[in-house]
Amino acid sequence: KGRFAISRDNSKNTVFLQMNSLKPEDSAVYYCNAWDRTQEYWGQGT
């Protein structure tokens, strides 16, 4: 609902997630994912 914003910096090979107005129900392990139709990869989570 407009609280989060995703962005990427291809020059830095980095993707970001800005999370604002956080709620208790946002509590979770957050995982990074990369997908290209043929394969995907996952981070370990934060």
ModelCIF file with pLDDT and N, C-alpha, C, O atoms, coordinates in Angstrom:
data_MODEL
#
_entry.id   MODEL 
#
_entity.id                         1 
_entity.type                       polymer 
_entity.pdbx_number_of_molecules   1 
#
_entity_poly.entity_id                      1 
_entity_poly.type                           'polypeptide(L)' 
_entity_poly.nstd_linkage                   no 
_entity_poly.nstd_monomer                   no 
_entity_poly.pdbx_seq_one_letter_code       KGRFAISRDNSKNTVFLQMNSLKPEDSAVYYCNAWDRTQEYWGQGT 
_entity_poly.pdbx_seq_one_letter_code_can   KGRFAISRDNSKNTVFLQMNSLKPEDSAVYYCNAWDRTQEYWGQGT 
_entity_poly.pdbx_strand_id                 A 
#
loop_
_entity_poly_seq.entity_id 
_entity_poly_seq.num 
_entity_poly_seq.mon_id 
_entity_poly_seq.hetero 
1 1  LYS n 
1 2  GLY n 
1 3  ARG n 
1 4  PHE n 
1 5  ALA n 
1 6  ILE n 
1 7  SER n 
1 8  ARG n 
1 9  ASP n 
1 10 ASN n 
1 11 SER n 
1 12 LYS n 
1 13 ASN n 
1 14 THR n 
1 15 VAL n 
1 16 PHE n 
1 17 LEU n 
1 18 GLN n 
1 19 MET n 
1 20 ASN n 
1 21 SER n 
1 22 LEU n 
1 23 LYS n 
1 24 PRO n 
1 25 GLU n 
1 26 ASP n 
1 27 SER n 
1 28 ALA n 
1 29 VAL n 
1 30 TYR n 
1 31 TYR n 
1 32 CYS n 
1 33 ASN n 
1 34 ALA n 
1 35 TRP n 
1 36 ASP n 
1 37 ARG n 
1 38 THR n 
1 39 GLN n 
1 40 GLU n 
1 41 TYR n 
1 42 TRP n 
1 43 GLY n 
1 44 GLN n 
1 45 GLY n 
1 46 THR n 
#
_struct_asym.id          A 
_struct_asym.entity_id   1 
#
loop_
_ma_qa_metric.id 
_ma_qa_metric.mode 
_ma_qa_metric.name 
_ma_qa_metric.software_group_id 
_ma_qa_metric.type 
1 global pLDDT . pLDDT 
2 local  pLDDT . pLDDT 
#
_ma_qa_metric_global.metric_id      1 
_ma_qa_metric_global.metric_value   96.41 
_ma_qa_metric_global.model_id       1 
_ma_qa_metric_global.ordinal_id     1 
#
loop_
_ma_qa_metric_local.label_asym_id 
_ma_qa_metric_local.label_comp_id 
_ma_qa_metric_local.label_seq_id 
_ma_qa_metric_local.metric_id 
_ma_qa_metric_local.metric_value 
_ma_qa_metric_local.model_id 
_ma_qa_metric_local.ordinal_id 
A LYS 1  2 77.00 1 1  
A GLY 2  2 91.00 1 2  
A ARG 3  2 96.00 1 3  
A PHE 4  2 97.00 1 4  
A ALA 5  2 97.00 1 5  
A ILE 6  2 97.00 1 6  
A SER 7  2 97.00 1 7  
A ARG 8  2 97.00 1 8  
A ASP 9  2 97.00 1 9  
A ASN 10 2 96.00 1 10 
A SER 11 2 96.00 1 11 
A LYS 12 2 97.00 1 12 
A ASN 13 2 97.00 1 13 
A THR 14 2 98.00 1 14 
A VAL 15 2 98.00 1 15 
A PHE 16 2 98.00 1 16 
A LEU 17 2 98.00 1 17 
A GLN 18 2 98.00 1 18 
A MET 19 2 98.00 1 19 
A ASN 20 2 98.00 1 20 
A SER 21 2 97.00 1 21 
A LEU 22 2 97.00 1 22 
A LYS 23 2 97.00 1 23 
A PRO 24 2 97.00 1 24 
A GLU 25 2 96.00 1 25 
A ASP 26 2 97.00 1 26 
A SER 27 2 97.00 1 27 
A ALA 28 2 98.00 1 28 
A VAL 29 2 98.00 1 29 
A TYR 30 2 98.00 1 30 
A TYR 31 2 98.00 1 31 
A CYS 32 2 98.00 1 32 
A ASN 33 2 98.00 1 33 
A ALA 34 2 98.00 1 34 
A TRP 35 2 97.00 1 35 
A ASP 36 2 94.00 1 36 
A ARG 37 2 93.00 1 37 
A THR 38 2 93.00 1 38 
A GLN 39 2 94.00 1 39 
A GLU 40 2 96.00 1 40 
A TYR 41 2 97.00 1 41 
A TRP 42 2 98.00 1 42 
A GLY 43 2 98.00 1 43 
A GLN 44 2 97.00 1 44 
A GLY 45 2 98.00 1 45 
A THR 46 2 98.00 1 46 
#
loop_
_atom_site.group_PDB 
_atom_site.id 
_atom_site.type_symbol 
_atom_site.label_atom_id 
_atom_site.label_alt_id 
_atom_site.label_comp_id 
_atom_site.label_asym_id 
_atom_site.label_entity_id 
_atom_site.label_seq_id 
_atom_site.pdbx_PDB_ins_code 
_atom_site.Cartn_x 
_atom_site.Cartn_y 
_atom_site.Cartn_z 
_atom_site.occupancy 
_atom_site.B_iso_or_equiv 
_atom_site.pdbx_formal_charge 
_atom_site.auth_seq_id 
_atom_site.auth_comp_id 
_atom_site.auth_asym_id 
_atom_site.auth_atom_id 
_atom_site.pdbx_PDB_model_num 
ATOM 1   N N  . LYS A 1 1  ? 0.810  -1.225  0.000   1.00 77.00 ? 1  LYS A N  1 
ATOM 2   C CA . LYS A 1 1  ? 0.000  0.000   0.000   1.00 77.00 ? 1  LYS A CA 1 
ATOM 3   C C  . LYS A 1 1  ? 0.840  1.270   0.000   1.00 77.00 ? 1  LYS A C  1 
ATOM 4   O O  . LYS A 1 1  ? 0.596  2.181   0.792   1.00 77.00 ? 1  LYS A O  1 
ATOM 5   N N  . GLY A 1 2  ? 1.823  1.330   -0.885  1.00 91.00 ? 2  GLY A N  1 
ATOM 6   C CA . GLY A 1 2  ? 2.599  2.531   -1.064  1.00 91.00 ? 2  GLY A CA 1 
ATOM 7   C C  . GLY A 1 2  ? 3.679  2.770   -0.038  1.00 91.00 ? 2  GLY A C  1 
ATOM 8   O O  . GLY A 1 2  ? 4.363  3.792   -0.098  1.00 91.00 ? 2  GLY A O  1 
ATOM 9   N N  . ARG A 1 3  ? 3.852  1.872   0.894   1.00 96.00 ? 3  ARG A N  1 
ATOM 10  C CA . ARG A 1 3  ? 4.831  2.071   1.961   1.00 96.00 ? 3  ARG A CA 1 
ATOM 11  C C  . ARG A 1 3  ? 6.246  1.686   1.569   1.00 96.00 ? 3  ARG A C  1 
ATOM 12  O O  . ARG A 1 3  ? 7.214  2.193   2.136   1.00 96.00 ? 3  ARG A O  1 
ATOM 13  N N  . PHE A 1 4  ? 6.365  0.787   0.596   1.00 97.00 ? 4  PHE A N  1 
ATOM 14  C CA . PHE A 1 4  ? 7.675  0.273   0.201   1.00 97.00 ? 4  PHE A CA 1 
ATOM 15  C C  . PHE A 1 4  ? 8.027  0.751   -1.202  1.00 97.00 ? 4  PHE A C  1 
ATOM 16  O O  . PHE A 1 4  ? 7.143  1.046   -2.006  1.00 97.00 ? 4  PHE A O  1 
ATOM 17  N N  . ALA A 1 5  ? 9.309  0.824   -1.484  1.00 97.00 ? 5  ALA A N  1 
ATOM 18  C CA . ALA A 1 5  ? 9.787  1.180   -2.814  1.00 97.00 ? 5  ALA A CA 1 
ATOM 19  C C  . ALA A 1 5  ? 11.002 0.339   -3.170  1.00 97.00 ? 5  ALA A C  1 
ATOM 20  O O  . ALA A 1 5  ? 11.966 0.271   -2.408  1.00 97.00 ? 5  ALA A O  1 
ATOM 21  N N  . ILE A 1 6  ? 10.951 -0.297  -4.329  1.00 97.00 ? 6  ILE A N  1 
ATOM 22  C CA . ILE A 1 6  ? 12.071 -1.089  -4.806  1.00 97.00 ? 6  ILE A CA 1 
ATOM 23  C C  . ILE A 1 6  ? 12.843 -0.285  -5.846  1.00 97.00 ? 6  ILE A C  1 
ATOM 24  O O  . ILE A 1 6  ? 12.254 0.446   -6.642  1.00 97.00 ? 6  ILE A O  1 
ATOM 25  N N  . SER A 1 7  ? 14.142 -0.425  -5.833  1.00 97.00 ? 7  SER A N  1 
ATOM 26  C CA . SER A 1 7  ? 14.985 0.240   -6.809  1.00 97.00 ? 7  SER A CA 1 
ATOM 27  C C  . SER A 1 7  ? 16.212 -0.627  -7.066  1.00 97.00 ? 7  SER A C  1 
ATOM 28  O O  . SER A 1 7  ? 16.511 -1.545  -6.302  1.00 97.00 ? 7  SER A O  1 
ATOM 29  N N  . ARG A 1 8  ? 16.913 -0.324  -8.145  1.00 97.00 ? 8  ARG A N  1 
ATOM 30  C CA . ARG A 1 8  ? 18.122 -1.077  -8.455  1.00 97.00 ? 8  ARG A CA 1 
ATOM 31  C C  . ARG A 1 8  ? 19.165 -0.152  -9.043  1.00 97.00 ? 8  ARG A C  1 
ATOM 32  O O  . ARG A 1 8  ? 18.849 0.840   -9.700  1.00 97.00 ? 8  ARG A O  1 
ATOM 33  N N  . ASP A 1 9  ? 20.406 -0.498  -8.795  1.00 97.00 ? 9  ASP A N  1 
ATOM 34  C CA . ASP A 1 9  ? 21.541 0.213   -9.350  1.00 97.00 ? 9  ASP A CA 1 
ATOM 35  C C  . ASP A 1 9  ? 22.361 -0.817  -10.109 1.00 97.00 ? 9  ASP A C  1 
ATOM 36  O O  . ASP A 1 9  ? 23.142 -1.561  -9.517  1.00 97.00 ? 9  ASP A O  1 
ATOM 37  N N  . ASN A 1 10 ? 22.176 -0.853  -11.428 1.00 96.00 ? 10 ASN A N  1 
ATOM 38  C CA . ASN A 1 10 ? 22.847 -1.867  -12.229 1.00 96.00 ? 10 ASN A CA 1 
ATOM 39  C C  . ASN A 1 10 ? 24.367 -1.695  -12.235 1.00 96.00 ? 10 ASN A C  1 
ATOM 40  O O  . ASN A 1 10 ? 25.106 -2.665  -12.403 1.00 96.00 ? 10 ASN A O  1 
ATOM 41  N N  . SER A 1 11 ? 24.824 -0.465  -12.051 1.00 96.00 ? 11 SER A N  1 
ATOM 42  C CA . SER A 1 11 ? 26.258 -0.236  -12.006 1.00 96.00 ? 11 SER A CA 1 
ATOM 43  C C  . SER A 1 11 ? 26.893 -0.813  -10.756 1.00 96.00 ? 11 SER A C  1 
ATOM 44  O O  . SER A 1 11 ? 28.097 -1.065  -10.720 1.00 96.00 ? 11 SER A O  1 
ATOM 45  N N  . LYS A 1 12 ? 26.079 -1.023  -9.728  1.00 97.00 ? 12 LYS A N  1 
ATOM 46  C CA . LYS A 1 12 ? 26.555 -1.577  -8.466  1.00 97.00 ? 12 LYS A CA 1 
ATOM 47  C C  . LYS A 1 12 ? 26.075 -3.006  -8.233  1.00 97.00 ? 12 LYS A C  1 
ATOM 48  O O  . LYS A 1 12 ? 26.381 -3.606  -7.202  1.00 97.00 ? 12 LYS A O  1 
ATOM 49  N N  . ASN A 1 13 ? 25.322 -3.552  -9.189  1.00 97.00 ? 13 ASN A N  1 
ATOM 50  C CA . ASN A 1 13 ? 24.766 -4.901  -9.049  1.00 97.00 ? 13 ASN A CA 1 
ATOM 51  C C  . ASN A 1 13 ? 24.007 -5.062  -7.736  1.00 97.00 ? 13 ASN A C  1 
ATOM 52  O O  . ASN A 1 13 ? 24.162 -6.057  -7.029  1.00 97.00 ? 13 ASN A O  1 
ATOM 53  N N  . THR A 1 14 ? 23.188 -4.065  -7.428  1.00 98.00 ? 14 THR A N  1 
ATOM 54  C CA . THR A 1 14 ? 22.503 -4.032  -6.148  1.00 98.00 ? 14 THR A CA 1 
ATOM 55  C C  . THR A 1 14 ? 21.045 -3.648  -6.326  1.00 98.00 ? 14 THR A C  1 
ATOM 56  O O  . THR A 1 14 ? 20.719 -2.760  -7.113  1.00 98.00 ? 14 THR A O  1 
ATOM 57  N N  . VAL A 1 15 ? 20.170 -4.320  -5.591  1.00 98.00 ? 15 VAL A N  1 
ATOM 58  C CA . VAL A 1 15 ? 18.759 -3.974  -5.537  1.00 98.00 ? 15 VAL A CA 1 
ATOM 59  C C  . VAL A 1 15 ? 18.425 -3.587  -4.107  1.00 98.00 ? 15 VAL A C  1 
ATOM 60  O O  . VAL A 1 15 ? 18.955 -4.169  -3.160  1.00 98.00 ? 15 VAL A O  1 
ATOM 61  N N  . PHE A 1 16 ? 17.543 -2.600  -3.951  1.00 98.00 ? 16 PHE A N  1 
ATOM 62  C CA . PHE A 1 16 ? 17.192 -2.062  -2.651  1.00 98.00 ? 16 PHE A CA 1 
ATOM 63  C C  . PHE A 1 16 ? 15.701 -2.203  -2.397  1.00 98.00 ? 16 PHE A C  1 
ATOM 64  O O  . PHE A 1 16 ? 14.904 -2.297  -3.331  1.00 98.00 ? 16 PHE A O  1 
ATOM 65  N N  . LEU A 1 17 ? 15.342 -2.217  -1.143  1.00 98.00 ? 17 LEU A N  1 
ATOM 66  C CA . LEU A 1 17 ? 13.945 -2.137  -0.738  1.00 98.00 ? 17 LEU A CA 1 
ATOM 67  C C  . LEU A 1 17 ? 13.841 -1.134  0.397   1.00 98.00 ? 17 LEU A C  1 
ATOM 68  O O  . LEU A 1 17 ? 14.280 -1.402  1.516   1.00 98.00 ? 17 LEU A O  1 
ATOM 69  N N  . GLN A 1 18 ? 13.260 0.017   0.106   1.00 98.00 ? 18 GLN A N  1 
ATOM 70  C CA . GLN A 1 18 ? 13.003 1.024   1.126   1.00 98.00 ? 18 GLN A CA 1 
ATOM 71  C C  . GLN A 1 18 ? 11.657 0.723   1.762   1.00 98.00 ? 18 GLN A C  1 
ATOM 72  O O  . GLN A 1 18 ? 10.639 0.672   1.072   1.00 98.00 ? 18 GLN A O  1 
ATOM 73  N N  . MET A 1 19 ? 11.646 0.526   3.058   1.00 98.00 ? 19 MET A N  1 
ATOM 74  C CA . MET A 1 19 ? 10.433 0.179   3.782   1.00 98.00 ? 19 MET A CA 1 
ATOM 75  C C  . MET A 1 19 ? 10.126 1.274   4.789   1.00 98.00 ? 19 MET A C  1 
ATOM 76  O O  . MET A 1 19 ? 10.922 1.547   5.688   1.00 98.00 ? 19 MET A O  1 
ATOM 77  N N  . ASN A 1 20 ? 8.973  1.895   4.635   1.00 98.00 ? 20 ASN A N  1 
ATOM 78  C CA . ASN A 1 20 ? 8.529  2.956   5.517   1.00 98.00 ? 20 ASN A CA 1 
ATOM 79  C C  . ASN A 1 20 ? 7.239  2.563   6.213   1.00 98.00 ? 20 ASN A C  1 
ATOM 80  O O  . ASN A 1 20 ? 6.548  1.636   5.788   1.00 98.00 ? 20 ASN A O  1 
ATOM 81  N N  . SER A 1 21 ? 6.921  3.272   7.280   1.00 97.00 ? 21 SER A N  1 
ATOM 82  C CA . SER A 1 21 ? 5.682  3.036   8.028   1.00 97.00 ? 21 SER A CA 1 
ATOM 83  C C  . SER A 1 21 ? 5.518  1.560   8.367   1.00 97.00 ? 21 SER A C  1 
ATOM 84  O O  . SER A 1 21 ? 4.455  0.977   8.154   1.00 97.00 ? 21 SER A O  1 
ATOM 85  N N  . LEU A 1 22 ? 6.557  0.979   8.884   1.00 97.00 ? 22 LEU A N  1 
ATOM 86  C CA . LEU A 1 22 ? 6.555  -0.458  9.140   1.00 97.00 ? 22 LEU A CA 1 
ATOM 87  C C  . LEU A 1 22 ? 5.552  -0.840  10.216  1.00 97.00 ? 22 LEU A C  1 
ATOM 88  O O  . LEU A 1 22 ? 5.332  -0.110  11.183  1.00 97.00 ? 22 LEU A O  1 
ATOM 89  N N  . LYS A 1 23 ? 4.957  -1.997  10.018  1.00 97.00 ? 23 LYS A N  1 
ATOM 90  C CA . LYS A 1 23 ? 3.958  -2.546  10.922  1.00 97.00 ? 23 LYS A CA 1 
ATOM 91  C C  . LYS A 1 23 ? 4.452  -3.867  11.485  1.00 97.00 ? 23 LYS A C  1 
ATOM 92  O O  . LYS A 1 23 ? 5.295  -4.519  10.869  1.00 97.00 ? 23 LYS A O  1 
ATOM 93  N N  . PRO A 1 24 ? 3.943  -4.278  12.646  1.00 97.00 ? 24 PRO A N  1 
ATOM 94  C CA . PRO A 1 24 ? 4.346  -5.575  13.198  1.00 97.00 ? 24 PRO A CA 1 
ATOM 95  C C  . PRO A 1 24 ? 4.154  -6.729  12.220  1.00 97.00 ? 24 PRO A C  1 
ATOM 96  O O  . PRO A 1 24 ? 4.949  -7.669  12.215  1.00 97.00 ? 24 PRO A O  1 
ATOM 97  N N  . GLU A 1 25 ? 3.110  -6.672  11.391  1.00 96.00 ? 25 GLU A N  1 
ATOM 98  C CA . GLU A 1 25 ? 2.870  -7.737  10.435  1.00 96.00 ? 25 GLU A CA 1 
ATOM 99  C C  . GLU A 1 25 ? 3.884  -7.776  9.296   1.00 96.00 ? 25 GLU A C  1 
ATOM 100 O O  . GLU A 1 25 ? 3.883  -8.714  8.498   1.00 96.00 ? 25 GLU A O  1 
ATOM 101 N N  . ASP A 1 26 ? 4.752  -6.762  9.213   1.00 97.00 ? 26 ASP A N  1 
ATOM 102 C CA . ASP A 1 26 ? 5.845  -6.790  8.253   1.00 97.00 ? 26 ASP A CA 1 
ATOM 103 C C  . ASP A 1 26 ? 7.017  -7.635  8.738   1.00 97.00 ? 26 ASP A C  1 
ATOM 104 O O  . ASP A 1 26 ? 7.941  -7.906  7.971   1.00 97.00 ? 26 ASP A O  1 
ATOM 105 N N  . SER A 1 27 ? 6.989  -8.047  9.983   1.00 97.00 ? 27 SER A N  1 
ATOM 106 C CA . SER A 1 27 ? 8.067  -8.857  10.533  1.00 97.00 ? 27 SER A CA 1 
ATOM 107 C C  . SER A 1 27 ? 8.182  -10.166 9.761   1.00 97.00 ? 27 SER A C  1 
ATOM 108 O O  . SER A 1 27 ? 7.202  -10.895 9.611   1.00 97.00 ? 27 SER A O  1 
ATOM 109 N N  . ALA A 1 28 ? 9.376  -10.457 9.277   1.00 98.00 ? 28 ALA A N  1 
ATOM 110 C CA . ALA A 1 28 ? 9.614  -11.649 8.477   1.00 98.00 ? 28 ALA A CA 1 
ATOM 111 C C  . ALA A 1 28 ? 11.086 -11.707 8.116   1.00 98.00 ? 28 ALA A C  1 
ATOM 112 O O  . ALA A 1 28 ? 11.839 -10.761 8.346   1.00 98.00 ? 28 ALA A O  1 
ATOM 113 N N  . VAL A 1 29 ? 11.477 -12.829 7.551   1.00 98.00 ? 29 VAL A N  1 
ATOM 114 C CA . VAL A 1 29 ? 12.769 -12.906 6.887   1.00 98.00 ? 29 VAL A CA 1 
ATOM 115 C C  . VAL A 1 29 ? 12.563 -12.457 5.448   1.00 98.00 ? 29 VAL A C  1 
ATOM 116 O O  . VAL A 1 29 ? 11.697 -12.979 4.745   1.00 98.00 ? 29 VAL A O  1 
ATOM 117 N N  . TYR A 1 30 ? 13.348 -11.504 5.022   1.00 98.00 ? 30 TYR A N  1 
ATOM 118 C CA . TYR A 1 30 ? 13.241 -10.958 3.675   1.00 98.00 ? 30 TYR A CA 1 
ATOM 119 C C  . TYR A 1 30 ? 14.343 -11.540 2.806   1.00 98.00 ? 30 TYR A C  1 
ATOM 120 O O  . TYR A 1 30 ? 15.520 -11.503 3.166   1.00 98.00 ? 30 TYR A O  1 
ATOM 121 N N  . TYR A 1 31 ? 13.944 -12.081 1.647   1.00 98.00 ? 31 TYR A N  1 
ATOM 122 C CA . TYR A 1 31 ? 14.857 -12.757 0.743   1.00 98.00 ? 31 TYR A CA 1 
ATOM 123 C C  . TYR A 1 31 ? 14.977 -12.014 -0.576  1.00 98.00 ? 31 TYR A C  1 
ATOM 124 O O  . TYR A 1 31 ? 13.987 -11.528 -1.122  1.00 98.00 ? 31 TYR A O  1 
ATOM 125 N N  . CYS A 1 32 ? 16.172 -11.933 -1.070  1.00 98.00 ? 32 CYS A N  1 
ATOM 126 C CA . CYS A 1 32 ? 16.444 -11.387 -2.391  1.00 98.00 ? 32 CYS A CA 1 
ATOM 127 C C  . CYS A 1 32 ? 16.350 -12.499 -3.427  1.00 98.00 ? 32 CYS A C  1 
ATOM 128 O O  . CYS A 1 32 ? 16.793 -13.622 -3.187  1.00 98.00 ? 32 CYS A O  1 
ATOM 129 N N  . ASN A 1 33 ? 15.767 -12.176 -4.584  1.00 98.00 ? 33 ASN A N  1 
ATOM 130 C CA . ASN A 1 33 ? 15.564 -13.146 -5.648  1.00 98.00 ? 33 ASN A CA 1 
ATOM 131 C C  . ASN A 1 33 ? 15.999 -12.572 -6.989  1.00 98.00 ? 33 ASN A C  1 
ATOM 132 O O  . ASN A 1 33 ? 15.759 -11.400 -7.278  1.00 98.00 ? 33 ASN A O  1 
ATOM 133 N N  . ALA A 1 34 ? 16.634 -13.393 -7.797  1.00 98.00 ? 34 ALA A N  1 
ATOM 134 C CA . ALA A 1 34 ? 16.998 -13.041 -9.170  1.00 98.00 ? 34 ALA A CA 1 
ATOM 135 C C  . ALA A 1 34 ? 16.396 -14.067 -10.109 1.00 98.00 ? 34 ALA A C  1 
ATOM 136 O O  . ALA A 1 34 ? 16.530 -15.268 -9.877  1.00 98.00 ? 34 ALA A O  1 
ATOM 137 N N  . TRP A 1 35 ? 15.725 -13.609 -11.185 1.00 97.00 ? 35 TRP A N  1 
ATOM 138 C CA . TRP A 1 35 ? 14.993 -14.501 -12.093 1.00 97.00 ? 35 TRP A CA 1 
ATOM 139 C C  . TRP A 1 35 ? 15.170 -14.057 -13.535 1.00 97.00 ? 35 TRP A C  1 
ATOM 140 O O  . TRP A 1 35 ? 15.121 -12.867 -13.847 1.00 97.00 ? 35 TRP A O  1 
ATOM 141 N N  . ASP A 1 36 ? 15.382 -15.052 -14.422 1.00 94.00 ? 36 ASP A N  1 
ATOM 142 C CA . ASP A 1 36 ? 15.546 -14.730 -15.846 1.00 94.00 ? 36 ASP A CA 1 
ATOM 143 C C  . ASP A 1 36 ? 14.816 -15.692 -16.770 1.00 94.00 ? 36 ASP A C  1 
ATOM 144 O O  . ASP A 1 36 ? 15.240 -15.847 -17.916 1.00 94.00 ? 36 ASP A O  1 
ATOM 145 N N  . ARG A 1 37 ? 13.759 -16.336 -16.345 1.00 93.00 ? 37 ARG A N  1 
ATOM 146 C CA . ARG A 1 37 ? 12.917 -17.303 -17.051 1.00 93.00 ? 37 ARG A CA 1 
ATOM 147 C C  . ARG A 1 37 ? 13.469 -18.724 -16.997 1.00 93.00 ? 37 ARG A C  1 
ATOM 148 O O  . ARG A 1 37 ? 12.705 -19.678 -16.852 1.00 93.00 ? 37 ARG A O  1 
ATOM 149 N N  . THR A 1 38 ? 14.773 -18.873 -17.112 1.00 93.00 ? 38 THR A N  1 
ATOM 150 C CA . THR A 1 38 ? 15.361 -20.202 -17.138 1.00 93.00 ? 38 THR A CA 1 
ATOM 151 C C  . THR A 1 38 ? 15.903 -20.652 -15.785 1.00 93.00 ? 38 THR A C  1 
ATOM 152 O O  . THR A 1 38 ? 16.055 -21.848 -15.533 1.00 93.00 ? 38 THR A O  1 
ATOM 153 N N  . GLN A 1 39 ? 16.189 -19.699 -14.931 1.00 94.00 ? 39 GLN A N  1 
ATOM 154 C CA . GLN A 1 39 ? 16.729 -20.042 -13.630 1.00 94.00 ? 39 GLN A CA 1 
ATOM 155 C C  . GLN A 1 39 ? 16.510 -18.904 -12.651 1.00 94.00 ? 39 GLN A C  1 
ATOM 156 O O  . GLN A 1 39 ? 16.263 -17.768 -13.056 1.00 94.00 ? 39 GLN A O  1 
ATOM 157 N N  . GLU A 1 40 ? 16.597 -19.198 -11.399 1.00 96.00 ? 40 GLU A N  1 
ATOM 158 C CA . GLU A 1 40 ? 16.490 -18.171 -10.383 1.00 96.00 ? 40 GLU A CA 1 
ATOM 159 C C  . GLU A 1 40 ? 17.405 -18.491 -9.219  1.00 96.00 ? 40 GLU A C  1 
ATOM 160 O O  . GLU A 1 40 ? 17.804 -19.636 -9.005  1.00 96.00 ? 40 GLU A O  1 
ATOM 161 N N  . TYR A 1 41 ? 17.724 -17.449 -8.477  1.00 97.00 ? 41 TYR A N  1 
ATOM 162 C CA . TYR A 1 41 ? 18.627 -17.564 -7.351  1.00 97.00 ? 41 TYR A CA 1 
ATOM 163 C C  . TYR A 1 41 ? 18.027 -16.855 -6.149  1.00 97.00 ? 41 TYR A C  1 
ATOM 164 O O  . TYR A 1 41 ? 17.227 -15.928 -6.280  1.00 97.00 ? 41 TYR A O  1 
ATOM 165 N N  . TRP A 1 42 ? 18.433 -17.315 -4.981  1.00 98.00 ? 42 TRP A N  1 
ATOM 166 C CA . TRP A 1 42 ? 17.939 -16.754 -3.729  1.00 98.00 ? 42 TRP A CA 1 
ATOM 167 C C  . TRP A 1 42 ? 19.085 -16.400 -2.804  1.00 98.00 ? 42 TRP A C  1 
ATOM 168 O O  . TRP A 1 42 ? 20.104 -17.090 -2.758  1.00 98.00 ? 42 TRP A O  1 
ATOM 169 N N  . GLY A 1 43 ? 18.907 -15.321 -2.072  1.00 98.00 ? 43 GLY A N  1 
ATOM 170 C CA . GLY A 1 43 ? 19.831 -14.979 -1.014  1.00 98.00 ? 43 GLY A CA 1 
ATOM 171 C C  . GLY A 1 43 ? 19.508 -15.745 0.254   1.00 98.00 ? 43 GLY A C  1 
ATOM 172 O O  . GLY A 1 43 ? 18.550 -16.517 0.300   1.00 98.00 ? 43 GLY A O  1 
ATOM 173 N N  . GLN A 1 44 ? 20.306 -15.529 1.272   1.00 97.00 ? 44 GLN A N  1 
ATOM 174 C CA . GLN A 1 44 ? 20.130 -16.250 2.529   1.00 97.00 ? 44 GLN A CA 1 
ATOM 175 C C  . GLN A 1 44 ? 19.079 -15.621 3.435   1.00 97.00 ? 44 GLN A C  1 
ATOM 176 O O  . GLN A 1 44 ? 18.634 -16.244 4.399   1.00 97.00 ? 44 GLN A O  1 
ATOM 177 N N  . GLY A 1 45 ? 18.685 -14.407 3.135   1.00 98.00 ? 45 GLY A N  1 
ATOM 178 C CA . GLY A 1 45 ? 17.661 -13.729 3.898   1.00 98.00 ? 45 GLY A CA 1 
ATOM 179 C C  . GLY A 1 45 ? 18.218 -12.800 4.962   1.00 98.00 ? 45 GLY A C  1 
ATOM 180 O O  . GLY A 1 45 ? 19.316 -13.003 5.480   1.00 98.00 ? 45 GLY A O  1 
ATOM 181 N N  . THR A 1 46 ? 17.436 -11.779 5.273   1.00 98.00 ? 46 THR A N  1 
ATOM 182 C CA . THR A 1 46 ? 17.763 -10.874 6.369   1.00 98.00 ? 46 THR A CA 1 
ATOM 183 C C  . THR A 1 46 ? 16.504 -10.665 7.210   1.00 98.00 ? 46 THR A C  1 
ATOM 184 O O  . THR A 1 46 ? 16.536 -9.932  8.199   1.00 98.00 ? 46 THR A O  1 
#
